[in-house]
Amino acid sequence: MITNDKLVFRIVLAVSLLVLATVVVLNRRLLPVPETFPSFIYLLPGLNAFINGTCCLLLLVSLYFIKRKNILMHKRINLTAFVLSALFLISYVTFHFYVPETKYPADNPFRPAYLVILISHIILAALVLPLVLLSFYHGLMGNISKHRKLVRWSYPIWLYVTMSGVAVYLLISPYYSF
């Protein structure tokens, strides 16, 4: 017999792999770039950075409230950050469906730092999704000990991913060709 935790784990794993596969397909240009696209597409990178920055602040405020044992505000703020992160993902996928990847100039002296931030951001963004989903599941189900064990990992990774997402945008945005 399958337990709810096992079923949830399988669903989280499936969703995480689907998201990862979607991002890989888009970044590897396995789909043709559409010839025409809506003009709002060029607003999405800035929107994505804004969403990441907002999520970063929300995660810090969430920590503030849980340290003061205000569980209701902690939940509300985390749910808001989660919804914003989902909107970010939709916006990110939409942008990368329409626009080819922007390359950071090879001759720029900040390129090594950019690549360290970008690569760590990409790897941790892929890892954090299942951790966040499982953290939410256990938190919302009242499995506080499992929630805390997961949050020890998911919280700092999610926080780093939101901060590094803003940094990646600030570093690459001068090189957008649109």
Protein backbone atom coordinates (compact mmCIF):
# COMPACT_ATOMS: atom_id res chain seq x y z
CA MET A 1 0.00 0.00 0.00
CA ILE A 2 1.30 3.44 -0.92
CA THR A 3 1.35 6.06 1.84
CA ASN A 4 0.43 9.68 1.27
CA ASP A 5 4.07 10.69 1.80
CA LYS A 6 5.21 8.29 -0.91
CA LEU A 7 2.53 9.47 -3.31
CA VAL A 8 3.37 13.12 -2.63
CA PHE A 9 7.08 12.38 -3.10
CA ARG A 10 6.37 10.78 -6.48
CA ILE A 11 4.21 13.70 -7.56
CA VAL A 12 6.86 16.20 -6.43
CA LEU A 13 9.53 14.25 -8.27
CA ALA A 14 7.41 14.10 -11.44
CA VAL A 15 6.62 17.83 -11.35
CA SER A 16 10.26 18.70 -10.65
CA LEU A 17 11.51 16.53 -13.52
CA LEU A 18 8.89 17.98 -15.87
CA VAL A 19 9.95 21.54 -15.00
CA LEU A 20 13.64 20.63 -15.37
CA ALA A 21 13.01 18.96 -18.74
CA THR A 22 11.07 22.02 -19.96
CA VAL A 23 13.90 24.37 -18.99
CA VAL A 24 16.52 22.12 -20.60
CA VAL A 25 14.54 21.89 -23.84
CA LEU A 26 14.17 25.66 -23.98
CA ASN A 27 17.79 26.43 -23.10
CA ARG A 28 19.17 23.85 -25.54
CA ARG A 29 16.99 25.31 -28.33
CA LEU A 30 15.44 21.94 -29.11
CA LEU A 31 12.36 23.83 -30.29
CA PRO A 32 12.46 26.35 -33.13
CA VAL A 33 12.31 30.03 -32.19
CA PRO A 34 8.97 31.50 -33.28
CA GLU A 35 9.29 34.13 -36.00
CA THR A 36 6.88 36.56 -34.36
CA PHE A 37 6.03 37.12 -30.75
CA PRO A 38 4.17 39.54 -28.52
CA SER A 39 5.93 42.80 -27.67
CA PHE A 40 5.58 42.21 -23.91
CA ILE A 41 8.19 39.43 -24.13
CA TYR A 42 10.98 41.96 -23.67
CA LEU A 43 9.52 43.07 -20.35
CA LEU A 44 9.76 39.59 -18.85
CA PRO A 45 13.44 39.57 -17.76
CA GLY A 46 12.90 42.72 -15.69
CA LEU A 47 9.67 41.28 -14.31
CA ASN A 48 11.50 38.06 -13.44
CA ALA A 49 14.19 39.99 -11.55
CA PHE A 50 11.50 41.95 -9.71
CA ILE A 51 9.71 38.72 -8.76
CA ASN A 52 12.97 37.15 -7.59
CA GLY A 53 13.82 40.22 -5.51
CA THR A 54 10.33 40.27 -4.02
CA CYS A 55 10.54 36.57 -3.15
CA CYS A 56 13.89 37.17 -1.49
CA LEU A 57 12.38 39.86 0.71
CA LEU A 58 9.33 37.70 1.45
CA LEU A 59 11.56 34.82 2.54
CA LEU A 60 13.40 37.11 4.94
CA VAL A 61 10.10 38.45 6.34
CA SER A 62 8.83 34.88 6.65
CA LEU A 63 11.86 34.00 8.77
CA TYR A 64 11.17 37.04 10.93
CA PHE A 65 7.61 35.90 11.59
CA ILE A 66 8.43 32.27 12.31
CA LYS A 67 11.14 33.34 14.77
CA ARG A 68 8.40 35.26 16.58
CA LYS A 69 6.11 32.19 16.40
CA ASN A 70 3.58 33.96 14.19
CA ILE A 71 2.74 30.85 12.17
CA LEU A 72 -0.22 32.37 10.34
CA MET A 73 1.84 35.23 8.86
CA HIS A 74 4.68 32.81 8.15
CA LYS A 75 2.31 30.63 6.11
CA ARG A 76 0.72 33.54 4.29
CA ILE A 77 4.04 35.06 3.32
CA ASN A 78 5.47 31.72 2.19
CA LEU A 79 2.38 30.99 0.13
CA THR A 80 2.74 34.41 -1.48
CA ALA A 81 6.41 33.69 -2.25
CA PHE A 82 5.40 30.31 -3.67
CA VAL A 83 2.75 31.82 -5.95
CA LEU A 84 5.20 34.48 -7.11
CA SER A 85 7.81 31.79 -7.80
CA ALA A 86 5.26 29.89 -9.88
CA LEU A 87 4.52 33.09 -11.84
CA PHE A 88 8.26 33.57 -12.26
CA LEU A 89 8.57 30.07 -13.70
CA ILE A 90 5.76 30.71 -16.19
CA SER A 91 7.34 34.02 -17.20
CA TYR A 92 10.82 32.46 -17.47
CA VAL A 93 9.59 29.62 -19.67
CA THR A 94 7.58 32.03 -21.84
CA PHE A 95 10.58 34.32 -22.35
CA HIS A 96 12.97 31.49 -23.19
CA PHE A 97 10.48 29.97 -25.62
CA TYR A 98 10.54 33.14 -27.70
CA VAL A 99 14.02 34.59 -27.24
CA PRO A 100 17.38 32.87 -27.83
CA GLU A 101 19.89 32.81 -25.01
CA THR A 102 21.97 35.95 -24.43
CA LYS A 103 25.70 35.24 -24.11
CA TYR A 104 27.88 37.09 -21.64
CA PRO A 105 30.87 38.58 -23.52
CA ALA A 106 33.95 36.38 -23.38
CA ASP A 107 36.23 39.40 -23.07
CA ASN A 108 34.42 40.90 -20.08
CA PRO A 109 36.63 40.68 -16.95
CA PHE A 110 33.54 39.89 -14.82
CA ARG A 111 32.71 36.80 -16.91
CA PRO A 112 34.25 34.29 -14.44
CA ALA A 113 32.23 35.76 -11.55
CA TYR A 114 29.12 35.84 -13.72
CA LEU A 115 29.57 32.19 -14.68
CA VAL A 116 30.06 31.12 -11.04
CA ILE A 117 26.87 32.91 -10.02
CA LEU A 118 24.95 31.64 -13.07
CA ILE A 119 26.04 28.01 -12.77
CA SER A 120 25.41 27.86 -9.04
CA HIS A 121 22.03 29.55 -9.60
CA ILE A 122 21.02 27.01 -12.27
CA ILE A 123 22.08 23.95 -10.26
CA LEU A 124 20.48 25.15 -7.04
CA ALA A 125 17.29 26.27 -8.82
CA ALA A 126 16.89 22.73 -10.13
CA LEU A 127 17.50 21.25 -6.67
CA VAL A 128 15.32 23.65 -4.70
CA LEU A 129 11.99 22.96 -6.40
CA PRO A 130 11.42 19.48 -4.93
CA LEU A 131 12.75 20.66 -1.56
CA VAL A 132 10.34 23.61 -1.50
CA LEU A 133 7.40 21.48 -2.61
CA LEU A 134 8.09 18.89 0.08
CA SER A 135 8.67 21.62 2.68
CA PHE A 136 5.29 23.12 1.83
CA TYR A 137 3.58 19.77 1.93
CA HIS A 138 4.90 18.89 5.38
CA GLY A 139 4.32 22.39 6.73
CA LEU A 140 0.74 22.52 5.50
CA MET A 141 0.04 18.98 6.74
CA GLY A 142 1.35 19.88 10.21
CA ASN A 143 4.34 17.52 10.00
CA ILE A 144 6.48 20.14 11.71
CA SER A 145 9.53 17.98 12.43
CA LYS A 146 9.79 16.88 8.76
CA HIS A 147 9.07 20.45 7.68
CA ARG A 148 11.92 21.81 9.83
CA LYS A 149 14.37 19.18 8.58
CA LEU A 150 13.62 20.07 4.98
CA VAL A 151 13.58 23.83 5.57
CA ARG A 152 17.13 23.68 6.92
CA TRP A 153 18.10 22.96 3.32
CA SER A 154 15.31 24.45 1.23
CA TYR A 155 15.24 27.89 2.88
CA PRO A 156 18.89 28.92 2.36
CA ILE A 157 18.92 27.43 -1.14
CA TRP A 158 15.68 29.18 -2.12
CA LEU A 159 16.98 32.43 -0.65
CA TYR A 160 20.24 32.10 -2.61
CA VAL A 161 18.38 31.28 -5.83
CA THR A 162 16.22 34.40 -5.48
CA MET A 163 19.24 36.63 -4.75
CA SER A 164 21.43 35.12 -7.45
CA GLY A 165 18.57 35.41 -9.95
CA VAL A 166 18.58 39.17 -9.45
CA ALA A 167 22.38 39.25 -9.73
CA VAL A 168 22.32 37.24 -12.98
CA TYR A 169 19.76 39.65 -14.43
CA LEU A 170 21.78 42.73 -13.42
CA LEU A 171 24.93 41.25 -14.95
CA ILE A 172 23.41 40.01 -18.24
CA SER A 173 20.81 42.71 -18.94
CA PRO A 174 23.25 45.19 -20.56
CA TYR A 175 23.92 42.54 -23.20
CA TYR A 176 20.34 41.88 -24.27
CA SER A 177 20.08 42.57 -27.99
CA PHE A 178 16.44 43.56 -28.07
